[in-house]
C-alpha cells in the first residue's frame, strides 16, 4: 500500500477510445492510463479514484481524481510529467495537495454534465465523435418543459437501464436541467448530486422523443412517477456526453499547478 501525501488532479479526456474511466478487463481505460503514467513517473503502483465513473465513450472536461504517493516531486512535475507519459487524448489540467481526509467522491456536492445533439440535415465531420446527430425538427420548448418535471429530489428508477438492478437507492436530486439551442446544436445541461448509471443518456433519449412529438410532457411525467426500471430511453449514444465539472463545498486548497479554480 502506498503511503504519503494525497494529490488531486483535474483531468480532461476524449473518451472515444476507452472502455470508460474505471479499470476493465476487456480494454483500455482512462484510470489504467493514469495509473501507468504515475508508475512511470514515480515508481509507485497506486490506485486512482475518480469523482465520477464515466462510461465507455464518454468525455470529460474537468474530471477530478485522487491518489496517494510517497513521491516528493513538486506539483508542477506531476502535471508536466504525467502529461509526458499520458496519451494525447488524456491531459492533466491542474493539481493540488489536499488533506488526508478529503474524499474525491463523497466530498463532491454535485456533478455537471452536458449532452450535445447535432440537429441538422447535414453531418459534421469536425464534430463527429462529440455529438449525437438527430435529423428532423426538435421542439426544444417542449423538451425544456419536460426537463422541469425532473427538478428536485425524485426516485429516478425509470431512468435506470433494465439490467442495472443492483443499485441500493434510485433517489437523486436534480439541481438543474435545461435545454439550450446554439445554432444547430441542442444542448442538455444537467446538474445533480450524483447520477445513476446511464441516467443522463436515458434522459436524453426520452427528451428527444418529446422533441420529436413521440412522447407528450404528460407521458414524460408519468414515466418519472412510474419508478420502473427501463422505461426511459432509448439510451442516447455515449459520444454526445461530456462531464463538465465536479463541485465541492469549498475550493480545493493547497499549492496548485495549472487551472484548478
C-alpha atoms as a PDB file:
ATOM      1  CA  UNK A   1       0.000   0.000   0.000  1.00  0.00           C
ATOM      2  CA  UNK A   2       1.323   3.414  -0.992  1.00  0.00           C
ATOM      3  CA  UNK A   3       1.543   5.920   1.862  1.00  0.00           C
ATOM      4  CA  UNK A   4       2.372   9.600   1.774  1.00  0.00           C
ATOM      5  CA  UNK A   5       0.526  12.701   0.638  1.00  0.00           C
ATOM      6  CA  UNK A   6      -2.801  12.786  -1.179  1.00  0.00           C
ATOM      7  CA  UNK A   7      -2.917  14.597  -4.507  1.00  0.00           C
ATOM      8  CA  UNK A   8      -5.926  15.635  -6.558  1.00  0.00           C
ATOM      9  CA  UNK A   9      -5.784  16.057 -10.332  1.00  0.00           C
ATOM     10  CA  UNK A  10      -8.118  17.785 -12.778  1.00  0.00           C
ATOM     11  CA  UNK A  11      -8.254  15.585 -15.890  1.00  0.00           C
ATOM     12  CA  UNK A  12      -9.594  16.218 -19.375  1.00  0.00           C
ATOM     13  CA  UNK A  13     -10.081  13.369 -21.823  1.00  0.00           C
ATOM     14  CA  UNK A  14     -11.598  12.270 -25.084  1.00  0.00           C
ATOM     15  CA  UNK A  15     -13.313   9.026 -24.096  1.00  0.00           C
ATOM     16  CA  UNK A  16     -13.737   7.685 -27.621  1.00  0.00           C
ATOM     17  CA  UNK A  17     -11.012   5.050 -27.416  1.00  0.00           C
ATOM     18  CA  UNK A  18     -11.668   3.888 -23.846  1.00  0.00           C
ATOM     19  CA  UNK A  19     -13.925   1.380 -22.105  1.00  0.00           C
ATOM     20  CA  UNK A  20     -14.868   4.081 -19.605  1.00  0.00           C
ATOM     21  CA  UNK A  21     -12.918   5.608 -16.737  1.00  0.00           C
ATOM     22  CA  UNK A  22     -12.843   2.609 -14.407  1.00  0.00           C
ATOM     23  CA  UNK A  23     -10.456  -0.319 -14.902  1.00  0.00           C
ATOM     24  CA  UNK A  24     -11.851  -3.067 -17.130  1.00  0.00           C
ATOM     25  CA  UNK A  25     -10.525  -6.436 -18.190  1.00  0.00           C
ATOM     26  CA  UNK A  26     -11.713  -6.072 -21.774  1.00  0.00           C
ATOM     27  CA  UNK A  27      -9.877  -2.968 -22.943  1.00  0.00           C
ATOM     28  CA  UNK A  28      -8.070   0.311 -22.180  1.00  0.00           C
ATOM     29  CA  UNK A  29      -9.461   2.735 -19.595  1.00  0.00           C
ATOM     30  CA  UNK A  30      -8.665   6.275 -18.516  1.00  0.00           C
ATOM     31  CA  UNK A  31      -7.872   5.051 -14.995  1.00  0.00           C
ATOM     32  CA  UNK A  32      -5.462   2.480 -16.353  1.00  0.00           C
ATOM     33  CA  UNK A  33      -3.608   5.070 -18.435  1.00  0.00           C
ATOM     34  CA  UNK A  34      -3.249   7.467 -15.489  1.00  0.00           C
ATOM     35  CA  UNK A  35      -2.047   4.719 -13.153  1.00  0.00           C
ATOM     36  CA  UNK A  36       0.516   3.549 -15.705  1.00  0.00           C
ATOM     37  CA  UNK A  37       1.742   7.134 -16.190  1.00  0.00           C
ATOM     38  CA  UNK A  38       2.069   7.516 -12.405  1.00  0.00           C
ATOM     39  CA  UNK A  39       4.088   4.295 -12.226  1.00  0.00           C
ATOM     40  CA  UNK A  40       6.473   5.561 -14.895  1.00  0.00           C
ATOM     41  CA  UNK A  41       6.800   8.981 -13.247  1.00  0.00           C
ATOM     42  CA  UNK A  42       7.113   7.994  -9.579  1.00  0.00           C
ATOM     43  CA  UNK A  43       7.687   4.247  -9.464  1.00  0.00           C
ATOM     44  CA  UNK A  44       4.528   3.924  -7.334  1.00  0.00           C
ATOM     45  CA  UNK A  45       1.865   1.340  -8.058  1.00  0.00           C
ATOM     46  CA  UNK A  46      -1.024   3.373  -6.758  1.00  0.00           C
ATOM     47  CA  UNK A  47      -4.773   3.279  -7.227  1.00  0.00           C
ATOM     48  CA  UNK A  48      -6.520   6.318  -8.725  1.00  0.00           C
ATOM     49  CA  UNK A  49     -10.057   7.199  -7.565  1.00  0.00           C
ATOM     50  CA  UNK A  50     -12.454   9.341  -9.618  1.00  0.00           C
ATOM     51  CA  UNK A  51     -15.318  11.587  -8.566  1.00  0.00           C
ATOM     52  CA  UNK A  52     -17.481  10.245 -11.411  1.00  0.00           C
ATOM     53  CA  UNK A  53     -17.116   6.930 -13.253  1.00  0.00           C
ATOM     54  CA  UNK A  54     -17.788   7.877 -16.853  1.00  0.00           C
ATOM     55  CA  UNK A  55     -18.966   5.142 -19.223  1.00  0.00           C
ATOM     56  CA  UNK A  56     -17.249   3.885 -22.362  1.00  0.00           C
ATOM     57  CA  UNK A  57     -17.023   6.624 -24.970  1.00  0.00           C
ATOM     58  CA  UNK A  58     -17.992   9.472 -22.596  1.00  0.00           C
ATOM     59  CA  UNK A  59     -15.751  12.546 -22.498  1.00  0.00           C
ATOM     60  CA  UNK A  60     -14.684  14.823 -19.627  1.00  0.00           C
ATOM     61  CA  UNK A  61     -13.567  18.430 -19.351  1.00  0.00           C
ATOM     62  CA  UNK A  62     -12.875  18.537 -15.603  1.00  0.00           C
ATOM     63  CA  UNK A  63     -12.907  15.070 -14.098  1.00  0.00           C
ATOM     64  CA  UNK A  64     -11.435  15.035 -10.572  1.00  0.00           C
ATOM     65  CA  UNK A  65      -9.251  12.147  -9.394  1.00  0.00           C
ATOM     66  CA  UNK A  66      -7.123  11.491  -6.328  1.00  0.00           C
ATOM     67  CA  UNK A  67      -4.266   9.208  -5.369  1.00  0.00           C
ATOM     68  CA  UNK A  68      -1.639   8.734  -2.675  1.00  0.00           C
ATOM     69  CA  UNK A  69       2.053   8.981  -3.372  1.00  0.00           C
ATOM     70  CA  UNK A  70       5.280   8.846  -1.451  1.00  0.00           C
ATOM     71  CA  UNK A  71       6.937  10.952  -4.144  1.00  0.00           C
ATOM     72  CA  UNK A  72       8.308  14.368  -3.162  1.00  0.00           C
ATOM     73  CA  UNK A  73       8.049  15.731  -6.695  1.00  0.00           C
ATOM     74  CA  UNK A  74       6.660  19.286  -6.881  1.00  0.00           C
ATOM     75  CA  UNK A  75       3.111  19.604  -8.175  1.00  0.00           C
ATOM     76  CA  UNK A  76       4.175  21.107 -11.469  1.00  0.00           C
ATOM     77  CA  UNK A  77       6.250  17.977 -12.052  1.00  0.00           C
ATOM     78  CA  UNK A  78       3.111  15.858 -11.648  1.00  0.00           C
ATOM     79  CA  UNK A  79       1.339  17.973 -14.248  1.00  0.00           C
ATOM     80  CA  UNK A  80       4.138  18.105 -16.795  1.00  0.00           C
ATOM     81  CA  UNK A  81       5.454  14.630 -16.033  1.00  0.00           C
ATOM     82  CA  UNK A  82       2.133  12.850 -16.301  1.00  0.00           C
ATOM     83  CA  UNK A  83       1.273  14.695 -19.497  1.00  0.00           C
ATOM     84  CA  UNK A  84       4.578  13.482 -20.937  1.00  0.00           C
ATOM     85  CA  UNK A  85       3.625   9.839 -20.301  1.00  0.00           C
ATOM     86  CA  UNK A  86      -0.113  10.062 -20.997  1.00  0.00           C
ATOM     87  CA  UNK A  87      -1.565   9.540 -24.495  1.00  0.00           C
ATOM     88  CA  UNK A  88      -2.684  12.633 -26.380  1.00  0.00           C
ATOM     89  CA  UNK A  89      -6.363  12.065 -25.629  1.00  0.00           C
ATOM     90  CA  UNK A  90      -5.831  12.460 -21.850  1.00  0.00           C
ATOM     91  CA  UNK A  91      -4.379  15.571 -20.179  1.00  0.00           C
ATOM     92  CA  UNK A  92      -3.759  16.780 -16.629  1.00  0.00           C
ATOM     93  CA  UNK A  93      -5.125  20.320 -16.324  1.00  0.00           C
ATOM     94  CA  UNK A  94      -4.419  21.011 -12.642  1.00  0.00           C
ATOM     95  CA  UNK A  95      -3.105  19.519  -9.399  1.00  0.00           C
ATOM     96  CA  UNK A  96      -3.337  20.183  -5.662  1.00  0.00           C
ATOM     97  CA  UNK A  97      -2.226  18.591  -2.409  1.00  0.00           C
ATOM     98  CA  UNK A  98      -5.206  18.006  -0.127  1.00  0.00           C
ATOM     99  CA  UNK A  99      -5.857  16.891   3.442  1.00  0.00           C
ATOM    100  CA  UNK A 100      -5.763  13.172   4.031  1.00  0.00           C
ATOM    101  CA  UNK A 101      -9.455  13.247   4.978  1.00  0.00           C
ATOM    102  CA  UNK A 102     -10.526  14.618   1.578  1.00  0.00           C
ATOM    103  CA  UNK A 103     -12.713  12.133  -0.328  1.00  0.00           C
ATOM    104  CA  UNK A 104     -12.854  12.925  -4.023  1.00  0.00           C
ATOM    105  CA  UNK A 105     -16.220  11.194  -4.432  1.00  0.00           C
ATOM    106  CA  UNK A 106     -18.106  11.630  -1.151  1.00  0.00           C
ATOM    107  CA  UNK A 107     -16.849  15.197  -0.765  1.00  0.00           C
ATOM    108  CA  UNK A 108     -18.489  16.310  -4.013  1.00  0.00           C
ATOM    109  CA  UNK A 109     -21.815  18.128  -3.712  1.00  0.00           C
ATOM    110  CA  UNK A 110     -22.775  17.900  -7.384  1.00  0.00           C
ATOM    111  CA  UNK A 111     -21.740  16.781 -10.870  1.00  0.00           C
ATOM    112  CA  UNK A 112     -22.386  18.702 -14.086  1.00  0.00           C
ATOM    113  CA  UNK A 113     -22.878  17.039 -17.460  1.00  0.00           C
ATOM    114  CA  UNK A 114     -23.765  18.314 -20.911  1.00  0.00           C
ATOM    115  CA  UNK A 115     -25.114  16.284 -23.790  1.00  0.00           C
ATOM    116  CA  UNK A 116     -24.660  17.632 -27.334  1.00  0.00           C
ATOM    117  CA  UNK A 117     -27.201  16.869 -30.067  1.00  0.00           C
ATOM    118  CA  UNK A 118     -26.409  17.926 -33.626  1.00  0.00           C
ATOM    119  CA  UNK A 119     -29.836  18.837 -35.003  1.00  0.00           C
ATOM    120  CA  UNK A 120     -29.048  19.254 -38.685  1.00  0.00           C
ATOM    121  CA  UNK A 121     -29.719  17.587 -42.004  1.00  0.00           C
ATOM    122  CA  UNK A 122     -26.000  17.625 -42.799  1.00  0.00           C
ATOM    123  CA  UNK A 123     -23.402  15.691 -40.827  1.00  0.00           C
ATOM    124  CA  UNK A 124     -20.440  17.471 -39.235  1.00  0.00           C
ATOM    125  CA  UNK A 125     -17.146  15.615 -39.768  1.00  0.00           C
ATOM    126  CA  UNK A 126     -15.280  18.043 -37.456  1.00  0.00           C
ATOM    127  CA  UNK A 127     -17.637  17.379 -34.538  1.00  0.00           C
ATOM    128  CA  UNK A 128     -18.084  13.681 -35.229  1.00  0.00           C
ATOM    129  CA  UNK A 129     -17.429  11.712 -32.054  1.00  0.00           C
ATOM    130  CA  UNK A 130     -18.581  14.561 -29.804  1.00  0.00           C
ATOM    131  CA  UNK A 131     -22.229  14.997 -30.857  1.00  0.00           C
ATOM    132  CA  UNK A 132     -25.251  12.796 -31.442  1.00  0.00           C
ATOM    133  CA  UNK A 133     -26.761  13.640 -34.865  1.00  0.00           C
ATOM    134  CA  UNK A 134     -30.546  13.869 -34.962  1.00  0.00           C
ATOM    135  CA  UNK A 135     -32.261  14.976 -38.177  1.00  0.00           C
ATOM    136  CA  UNK A 136     -35.735  16.475 -38.228  1.00  0.00           C
ATOM    137  CA  UNK A 137     -37.116  19.312 -36.136  1.00  0.00           C
ATOM    138  CA  UNK A 138     -36.855  19.112 -32.347  1.00  0.00           C
ATOM    139  CA  UNK A 139     -39.323  21.089 -30.239  1.00  0.00           C
ATOM    140  CA  UNK A 140     -36.833  22.453 -27.701  1.00  0.00           C
ATOM    141  CA  UNK A 141     -39.554  24.334 -25.793  1.00  0.00           C
ATOM    142  CA  UNK A 142     -41.391  21.065 -25.127  1.00  0.00           C
ATOM    143  CA  UNK A 143     -38.104  19.387 -24.188  1.00  0.00           C
ATOM    144  CA  UNK A 144     -37.439  22.194 -21.708  1.00  0.00           C
ATOM    145  CA  UNK A 145     -40.871  21.809 -20.124  1.00  0.00           C
ATOM    146  CA  UNK A 146     -40.188  18.107 -19.700  1.00  0.00           C
ATOM    147  CA  UNK A 147     -36.871  18.976 -18.020  1.00  0.00           C
ATOM    148  CA  UNK A 148     -38.710  20.894 -15.303  1.00  0.00           C
ATOM    149  CA  UNK A 149     -40.512  17.701 -14.256  1.00  0.00           C
ATOM    150  CA  UNK A 150     -37.173  16.307 -13.048  1.00  0.00           C
ATOM    151  CA  UNK A 151     -36.073  19.229 -10.879  1.00  0.00           C
ATOM    152  CA  UNK A 152     -35.801  18.329  -7.188  1.00  0.00           C
ATOM    153  CA  UNK A 153     -35.460  15.034  -5.354  1.00  0.00           C
ATOM    154  CA  UNK A 154     -37.157  12.126  -7.085  1.00  0.00           C
ATOM    155  CA  UNK A 155     -36.945   8.383  -7.490  1.00  0.00           C
ATOM    156  CA  UNK A 156     -35.389   8.005 -10.955  1.00  0.00           C
ATOM    157  CA  UNK A 157     -35.764   4.224 -11.196  1.00  0.00           C
ATOM    158  CA  UNK A 158     -37.383   4.630 -14.632  1.00  0.00           C
ATOM    159  CA  UNK A 159     -34.103   6.074 -15.936  1.00  0.00           C
ATOM    160  CA  UNK A 160     -32.051   3.037 -14.924  1.00  0.00           C
ATOM    161  CA  UNK A 161     -31.119   0.643 -17.715  1.00  0.00           C
ATOM    162  CA  UNK A 162     -33.088  -2.576 -17.263  1.00  0.00           C
ATOM    163  CA  UNK A 163     -30.122  -4.753 -16.244  1.00  0.00           C
ATOM    164  CA  UNK A 164     -28.774  -2.273 -13.645  1.00  0.00           C
ATOM    165  CA  UNK A 165     -30.692  -3.906 -10.789  1.00  0.00           C
ATOM    166  CA  UNK A 166     -28.058  -3.914  -8.034  1.00  0.00           C
ATOM    167  CA  UNK A 167     -28.395  -0.218  -7.147  1.00  0.00           C
ATOM    168  CA  UNK A 168     -29.189   0.407  -3.465  1.00  0.00           C
ATOM    169  CA  UNK A 169     -31.166   3.612  -3.994  1.00  0.00           C
ATOM    170  CA  UNK A 170     -32.520   5.316  -7.090  1.00  0.00           C
ATOM    171  CA  UNK A 171     -33.267   8.597  -5.296  1.00  0.00           C
ATOM    172  CA  UNK A 172     -31.341  11.521  -6.768  1.00  0.00           C
ATOM    173  CA  UNK A 173     -31.586  15.315  -6.538  1.00  0.00           C
ATOM    174  CA  UNK A 174     -31.564  17.265  -9.799  1.00  0.00           C
ATOM    175  CA  UNK A 175     -30.491  20.868  -9.219  1.00  0.00           C
ATOM    176  CA  UNK A 176     -30.651  21.976 -12.845  1.00  0.00           C
ATOM    177  CA  UNK A 177     -31.989  20.503 -16.078  1.00  0.00           C
ATOM    178  CA  UNK A 178     -32.461  22.580 -19.197  1.00  0.00           C
ATOM    179  CA  UNK A 179     -32.238  22.514 -22.957  1.00  0.00           C
ATOM    180  CA  UNK A 180     -30.356  25.219 -24.850  1.00  0.00           C
ATOM    181  CA  UNK A 181     -30.150  25.737 -28.604  1.00  0.00           C
ATOM    182  CA  UNK A 182     -26.935  27.171 -30.053  1.00  0.00           C
ATOM    183  CA  UNK A 183     -27.067  27.207 -33.833  1.00  0.00           C
ATOM    184  CA  UNK A 184     -27.513  23.614 -34.962  1.00  0.00           C
ATOM    185  CA  UNK A 185     -26.657  22.260 -31.501  1.00  0.00           C
ATOM    186  CA  UNK A 186     -29.275  21.275 -28.938  1.00  0.00           C
ATOM    187  CA  UNK A 187     -27.541  21.025 -25.563  1.00  0.00           C
ATOM    188  CA  UNK A 188     -28.912  19.264 -22.474  1.00  0.00           C
ATOM    189  CA  UNK A 189     -27.350  20.820 -19.359  1.00  0.00           C
ATOM    190  CA  UNK A 190     -27.913  18.897 -16.127  1.00  0.00           C
ATOM    191  CA  UNK A 191     -26.578  19.182 -12.571  1.00  0.00           C
ATOM    192  CA  UNK A 192     -27.306  16.664  -9.802  1.00  0.00           C
ATOM    193  CA  UNK A 193     -25.867  15.448  -6.534  1.00  0.00           C
ATOM    194  CA  UNK A 194     -24.993  12.256  -8.415  1.00  0.00           C
ATOM    195  CA  UNK A 195     -26.329  10.180 -11.291  1.00  0.00           C
ATOM    196  CA  UNK A 196     -27.489   6.621 -11.769  1.00  0.00           C
ATOM    197  CA  UNK A 197     -25.709   4.500 -14.398  1.00  0.00           C
ATOM    198  CA  UNK A 198     -26.812   5.680 -17.873  1.00  0.00           C
ATOM    199  CA  UNK A 199     -29.272   8.145 -16.295  1.00  0.00           C
ATOM    200  CA  UNK A 200     -28.235  11.129 -18.409  1.00  0.00           C
ATOM    201  CA  UNK A 201     -28.182   9.195 -21.681  1.00  0.00           C
ATOM    202  CA  UNK A 202     -31.566   7.573 -20.953  1.00  0.00           C
ATOM    203  CA  UNK A 203     -32.942  11.016 -20.100  1.00  0.00           C
ATOM    204  CA  UNK A 204     -31.670  12.423 -23.394  1.00  0.00           C
ATOM    205  CA  UNK A 205     -33.263   9.532 -25.291  1.00  0.00           C
ATOM    206  CA  UNK A 206     -36.622  10.310 -23.693  1.00  0.00           C
ATOM    207  CA  UNK A 207     -36.249  14.066 -24.236  1.00  0.00           C
ATOM    208  CA  UNK A 208     -35.542  13.511 -27.936  1.00  0.00           C
ATOM    209  CA  UNK A 209     -38.819  11.599 -28.163  1.00  0.00           C
ATOM    210  CA  UNK A 210     -40.558  14.589 -26.566  1.00  0.00           C
ATOM    211  CA  UNK A 211     -38.858  16.913 -29.044  1.00  0.00           C
ATOM    212  CA  UNK A 212     -39.954  14.731 -31.952  1.00  0.00           C
ATOM    213  CA  UNK A 213     -43.567  14.664 -30.754  1.00  0.00           C
ATOM    214  CA  UNK A 214     -43.432  10.938 -29.997  1.00  0.00           C
ATOM    215  CA  UNK A 215     -43.995  11.488 -26.263  1.00  0.00           C
ATOM    216  CA  UNK A 216     -46.062  14.152 -24.512  1.00  0.00           C
ATOM    217  CA  UNK A 217     -44.915  16.041 -21.440  1.00  0.00           C
ATOM    218  CA  UNK A 218     -47.685  14.275 -19.517  1.00  0.00           C
ATOM    219  CA  UNK A 219     -46.293  10.907 -20.678  1.00  0.00           C
ATOM    220  CA  UNK A 220     -42.815  12.005 -19.600  1.00  0.00           C
ATOM    221  CA  UNK A 221     -44.132  12.937 -16.150  1.00  0.00           C
ATOM    222  CA  UNK A 222     -45.927   9.585 -15.819  1.00  0.00           C
ATOM    223  CA  UNK A 223     -42.692   7.823 -16.797  1.00  0.00           C
ATOM    224  CA  UNK A 224     -40.828   9.594 -13.980  1.00  0.00           C
ATOM    225  CA  UNK A 225     -43.566   8.769 -11.489  1.00  0.00           C
ATOM    226  CA  UNK A 226     -43.765   5.101 -12.552  1.00  0.00           C
ATOM    227  CA  UNK A 227     -40.375   4.276 -10.925  1.00  0.00           C
ATOM    228  CA  UNK A 228     -39.991   1.232 -13.173  1.00  0.00           C
ATOM    229  CA  UNK A 229     -36.577   0.182 -14.471  1.00  0.00           C
ATOM    230  CA  UNK A 230     -36.018   0.568 -18.185  1.00  0.00           C
ATOM    231  CA  UNK A 231     -38.933   2.877 -19.072  1.00  0.00           C
ATOM    232  CA  UNK A 232     -36.782   5.837 -20.163  1.00  0.00           C
ATOM    233  CA  UNK A 233     -34.796   5.847 -23.333  1.00  0.00           C
ATOM    234  CA  UNK A 234     -33.731   4.774 -25.835  1.00  0.00           C
ATOM    235  CA  UNK A 235     -30.227   5.219 -24.435  1.00  0.00           C
ATOM    236  CA  UNK A 236     -28.525   8.025 -26.363  1.00  0.00           C
ATOM    237  CA  UNK A 237     -25.018   7.272 -27.700  1.00  0.00           C
ATOM    238  CA  UNK A 238     -22.091   7.945 -25.359  1.00  0.00           C
ATOM    239  CA  UNK A 239     -20.306  10.232 -27.835  1.00  0.00           C
ATOM    240  CA  UNK A 240     -22.544  13.226 -27.100  1.00  0.00           C
ATOM    241  CA  UNK A 241     -21.998  13.169 -23.331  1.00  0.00           C
ATOM    242  CA  UNK A 242     -19.341  15.180 -21.504  1.00  0.00           C
ATOM    243  CA  UNK A 243     -18.626  15.550 -17.774  1.00  0.00           C
ATOM    244  CA  UNK A 244     -18.121  19.294 -17.359  1.00  0.00           C
ATOM    245  CA  UNK A 245     -17.077  19.634 -13.730  1.00  0.00           C
ATOM    246  CA  UNK A 246     -17.311  18.321 -10.175  1.00  0.00           C
ATOM    247  CA  UNK A 247     -18.413  20.777  -7.495  1.00  0.00           C
ATOM    248  CA  UNK A 248     -17.176  20.810  -3.904  1.00  0.00           C
ATOM    249  CA  UNK A 249     -18.398  22.908  -0.949  1.00  0.00           C
ATOM    250  CA  UNK A 250     -15.010  24.629  -0.694  1.00  0.00           C
ATOM    251  CA  UNK A 251     -12.352  25.275  -3.347  1.00  0.00           C
ATOM    252  CA  UNK A 252      -9.540  22.726  -3.350  1.00  0.00           C
ATOM    253  CA  UNK A 253      -6.867  24.150  -1.083  1.00  0.00           C
ATOM    254  CA  UNK A 254      -3.122  23.952  -1.386  1.00  0.00           C
ATOM    255  CA  UNK A 255      -0.392  24.666  -3.881  1.00  0.00           C
ATOM    256  CA  UNK A 256      -1.725  24.441  -7.442  1.00  0.00           C
ATOM    257  CA  UNK A 257      -0.454  23.864 -10.949  1.00  0.00           C
ATOM    258  CA  UNK A 258      -2.439  24.893 -13.988  1.00  0.00           C
ATOM    259  CA  UNK A 259      -6.121  25.785 -13.960  1.00  0.00           C
ATOM    260  CA  UNK A 260      -7.742  24.356 -10.841  1.00  0.00           C
ATOM    261  CA  UNK A 261     -10.112  27.192  -9.917  1.00  0.00           C
END
